[in-house]
C-alpha atoms as a PDB file:
ATOM      1  CA  MET A   1     253.524 130.484 259.718  1.00  0.00           C
ATOM      2  CA  ALA A   2     250.391 130.647 257.557  1.00  0.00           C
ATOM      3  CA  ALA A   3     250.306 132.462 254.228  1.00  0.00           C
ATOM      4  CA  GLY A   4     248.358 135.390 255.661  1.00  0.00           C
ATOM      5  CA  GLU A   5     250.798 135.949 258.568  1.00  0.00           C
ATOM      6  CA  HIS A   6     253.761 137.268 256.593  1.00  0.00           C
ATOM      7  CA  GLY A   7     252.950 140.977 256.846  1.00  0.00           C
ATOM      8  CA  ASP A   8     256.014 142.889 255.661  1.00  0.00           C
ATOM      9  CA  LEU A   9     257.358 139.909 253.666  1.00  0.00           C
ATOM     10  CA  GLY A  10     254.765 140.466 250.940  1.00  0.00           C
ATOM     11  CA  GLY A  11     253.082 137.121 251.543  1.00  0.00           C
ATOM     12  CA  TYR A  12     256.134 135.032 250.599  1.00  0.00           C
ATOM     13  CA  TYR A  13     257.787 132.553 252.936  1.00  0.00           C
ATOM     14  CA  PHE A  14     261.130 131.016 251.891  1.00  0.00           C
ATOM     15  CA  ARG A  15     262.775 127.786 253.013  1.00  0.00           C
ATOM     16  CA  PHE A  16     266.487 127.020 252.620  1.00  0.00           C
ATOM     17  CA  LEU A  17     267.216 123.654 250.949  1.00  0.00           C
ATOM     18  CA  PRO A  18     270.812 122.877 251.996  1.00  0.00           C
ATOM     19  CA  GLN A  19     270.587 119.272 250.792  1.00  0.00           C
ATOM     20  CA  LYS A  20     269.921 120.313 247.179  1.00  0.00           C
ATOM     21  CA  THR A  21     272.846 119.506 244.895  1.00  0.00           C
ATOM     22  CA  PHE A  22     273.616 120.930 241.475  1.00  0.00           C
ATOM     23  CA  GLN A  23     275.062 118.330 239.131  1.00  0.00           C
ATOM     24  CA  SER A  24     275.679 121.072 236.564  1.00  0.00           C
ATOM     25  CA  LEU A  25     278.357 122.562 238.849  1.00  0.00           C
ATOM     26  CA  SER A  26     279.918 119.392 240.211  1.00  0.00           C
ATOM     27  CA  SER A  27     280.703 117.230 237.172  1.00  0.00           C
ATOM     28  CA  GLN A  28     284.382 116.648 236.415  1.00  0.00           C
ATOM     29  CA  GLU A  29     284.121 118.437 233.064  1.00  0.00           C
ATOM     30  CA  ILE A  30     282.532 121.519 234.617  1.00  0.00           C
ATOM     31  CA  THR A  31     284.957 121.715 237.554  1.00  0.00           C
ATOM     32  CA  SER A  32     287.814 121.473 235.056  1.00  0.00           C
ATOM     33  CA  ARG A  33     286.367 124.381 233.078  1.00  0.00           C
ATOM     34  CA  LEU A  34     285.769 126.405 236.252  1.00  0.00           C
ATOM     35  CA  ARG A  35     289.392 125.821 237.251  1.00  0.00           C
ATOM     36  CA  GLN A  36     290.548 126.865 233.756  1.00  0.00           C
ATOM     37  CA  TRP A  37     288.751 130.213 234.121  1.00  0.00           C
ATOM     38  CA  SER A  38     289.725 130.713 237.805  1.00  0.00           C
ATOM     39  CA  MET A  39     286.090 130.314 238.861  1.00  0.00           C
ATOM     40  CA  LEU A  40     286.435 127.109 240.893  1.00  0.00           C
ATOM     41  CA  GLY A  41     285.525 128.002 244.470  1.00  0.00           C
ATOM     42  CA  ARG A  42     284.218 131.405 243.356  1.00  0.00           C
ATOM     43  CA  ILE A  43     280.789 130.231 242.223  1.00  0.00           C
ATOM     44  CA  LYS A  44     278.121 128.722 244.458  1.00  0.00           C
ATOM     45  CA  ALA A  45     274.509 127.648 243.886  1.00  0.00           C
ATOM     46  CA  GLN A  46     271.988 127.517 246.713  1.00  0.00           C
ATOM     47  CA  ALA A  47     268.329 126.499 246.631  1.00  0.00           C
ATOM     48  CA  PHE A  48     265.377 128.070 248.388  1.00  0.00           C
ATOM     49  CA  ASN A  49     261.723 127.335 247.792  1.00  0.00           C
ATOM     50  CA  PHE A  50     258.757 129.569 248.461  1.00  0.00           C
ATOM     51  CA  ASP A  51     255.091 129.124 249.242  1.00  0.00           C
ATOM     52  CA  GLN A  52     253.295 131.443 246.816  1.00  0.00           C
ATOM     53  CA  THR A  53     252.835 131.596 243.060  1.00  0.00           C
ATOM     54  CA  PHE A  54     255.401 133.903 241.505  1.00  0.00           C
ATOM     55  CA  GLN A  55     253.788 136.783 239.632  1.00  0.00           C
ATOM     56  CA  ALA A  56     256.127 138.871 237.470  1.00  0.00           C
ATOM     57  CA  TYR A  57     254.296 142.106 238.186  1.00  0.00           C
ATOM     58  CA  ARG A  58     255.126 141.574 241.915  1.00  0.00           C
ATOM     59  CA  LYS A  59     258.841 140.943 241.280  1.00  0.00           C
ATOM     60  CA  ASP A  60     259.933 143.783 243.589  1.00  0.00           C
ATOM     61  CA  ASP A  61     257.827 142.390 246.454  1.00  0.00           C
ATOM     62  CA  PHE A  62     259.224 138.920 245.769  1.00  0.00           C
ATOM     63  CA  VAL A  63     262.885 140.002 245.787  1.00  0.00           C
ATOM     64  CA  MET A  64     262.484 142.205 248.866  1.00  0.00           C
ATOM     65  CA  ALA A  65     260.666 139.404 250.704  1.00  0.00           C
ATOM     66  CA  PHE A  66     263.532 137.035 249.794  1.00  0.00           C
ATOM     67  CA  PHE A  67     266.217 139.279 251.258  1.00  0.00           C
ATOM     68  CA  LYS A  68     264.182 140.006 254.403  1.00  0.00           C
ATOM     69  CA  ASP A  69     263.206 136.394 255.084  1.00  0.00           C
ATOM     70  CA  PRO A  70     264.609 134.958 258.350  1.00  0.00           C
ATOM     71  CA  ASN A  71     265.473 131.711 256.526  1.00  0.00           C
ATOM     72  CA  VAL A  72     267.483 133.563 253.873  1.00  0.00           C
ATOM     73  CA  ILE A  73     269.456 136.065 255.982  1.00  0.00           C
ATOM     74  CA  PRO A  74     271.558 133.484 257.914  1.00  0.00           C
ATOM     75  CA  ASN A  75     271.961 131.083 254.962  1.00  0.00           C
ATOM     76  CA  LEU A  76     272.529 133.054 251.745  1.00  0.00           C
ATOM     77  CA  LYS A  77     276.230 132.951 250.875  1.00  0.00           C
ATOM     78  CA  LEU A  78     278.005 135.909 249.266  1.00  0.00           C
ATOM     79  CA  LEU A  79     281.573 136.173 247.991  1.00  0.00           C
ATOM     80  CA  SER A  80     283.641 139.079 249.282  1.00  0.00           C
ATOM     81  CA  ASP A  81     285.322 141.058 246.507  1.00  0.00           C
ATOM     82  CA  SER A  82     288.169 142.098 248.770  1.00  0.00           C
ATOM     83  CA  SER A  83     289.046 138.849 250.564  1.00  0.00           C
ATOM     84  CA  GLY A  84     287.636 136.216 248.195  1.00  0.00           C
ATOM     85  CA  GLN A  85     286.014 134.517 251.220  1.00  0.00           C
ATOM     86  CA  TRP A  86     282.405 133.331 251.466  1.00  0.00           C
ATOM     87  CA  PHE A  87     280.192 134.890 254.137  1.00  0.00           C
ATOM     88  CA  THR A  88     276.480 134.858 254.936  1.00  0.00           C
ATOM     89  CA  LEU A  89     274.210 137.809 254.206  1.00  0.00           C
ATOM     90  CA  GLY A  90     273.662 138.201 257.957  1.00  0.00           C
ATOM     91  CA  THR A  91     271.437 141.287 257.795  1.00  0.00           C
ATOM     92  CA  GLU A  92     268.250 142.313 256.118  1.00  0.00           C
ATOM     93  CA  VAL A  93     268.571 144.242 252.870  1.00  0.00           C
ATOM     94  CA  LYS A  94     267.052 147.738 252.917  1.00  0.00           C
ATOM     95  CA  LYS A  95     266.799 148.473 249.180  1.00  0.00           C
ATOM     96  CA  ILE A  96     266.618 146.327 246.044  1.00  0.00           C
ATOM     97  CA  GLU A  97     266.274 146.793 242.321  1.00  0.00           C
ATOM     98  CA  ALA A  98     264.668 143.949 240.367  1.00  0.00           C
ATOM     99  CA  ILE A  99     265.188 144.034 236.602  1.00  0.00           C
ATOM    100  CA  ASN A 100     263.479 141.779 234.072  1.00  0.00           C
ATOM    101  CA  VAL A 101     266.060 139.839 232.066  1.00  0.00           C
ATOM    102  CA  PRO A 102     264.632 138.654 228.754  1.00  0.00           C
ATOM    103  CA  CYS A 103     265.091 134.927 228.220  1.00  0.00           C
ATOM    104  CA  THR A 104     264.716 134.771 224.470  1.00  0.00           C
ATOM    105  CA  GLN A 105     267.943 132.865 223.763  1.00  0.00           C
ATOM    106  CA  LEU A 106     267.212 129.223 224.599  1.00  0.00           C
ATOM    107  CA  SER A 107     270.165 127.669 222.805  1.00  0.00           C
ATOM    108  CA  MET A 108     273.876 127.948 223.438  1.00  0.00           C
ATOM    109  CA  SER A 109     274.547 127.713 219.680  1.00  0.00           C
ATOM    110  CA  PHE A 110     275.404 131.430 219.499  1.00  0.00           C
ATOM    111  CA  PHE A 111     278.697 130.496 221.198  1.00  0.00           C
ATOM    112  CA  HIS A 112     279.598 128.286 218.223  1.00  0.00           C
ATOM    113  CA  GLN A 113     280.896 131.338 216.383  1.00  0.00           C
ATOM    114  CA  LEU A 114     283.642 131.607 219.015  1.00  0.00           C
ATOM    115  CA  TYR A 115     284.819 128.120 218.083  1.00  0.00           C
ATOM    116  CA  ASP A 116     284.323 128.744 214.349  1.00  0.00           C
ATOM    117  CA  GLU A 117     286.600 131.792 214.570  1.00  0.00           C
ATOM    118  CA  ASP A 118     289.074 129.902 216.824  1.00  0.00           C
ATOM    119  CA  ILE A 119     288.634 132.403 219.659  1.00  0.00           C
END
């Protein structure tokens, strides 16, 4: 599919990367911490790439295109609140809300106060 053939996907085409691993979630130290906080098995990272330059002012188009993409729908895993089981998205999303999250904190040092106060 060429870049101009995406029509209702806003020009974005996504590809699932099932072979991508995330060392940050699989190290022994991290899995121990996830187990400590009952998060082991309840957190999953998946990788998708896309074929256009991301432009923040088109964030709504980008997110909607992601959830409508035929490579995302059968592969994106979600965790059920009720059963705790993983399932695939399986259907195209009809409505989204994309919110800018400021990324001004680049250090984890603000957590040091938790240790300093023995929390």
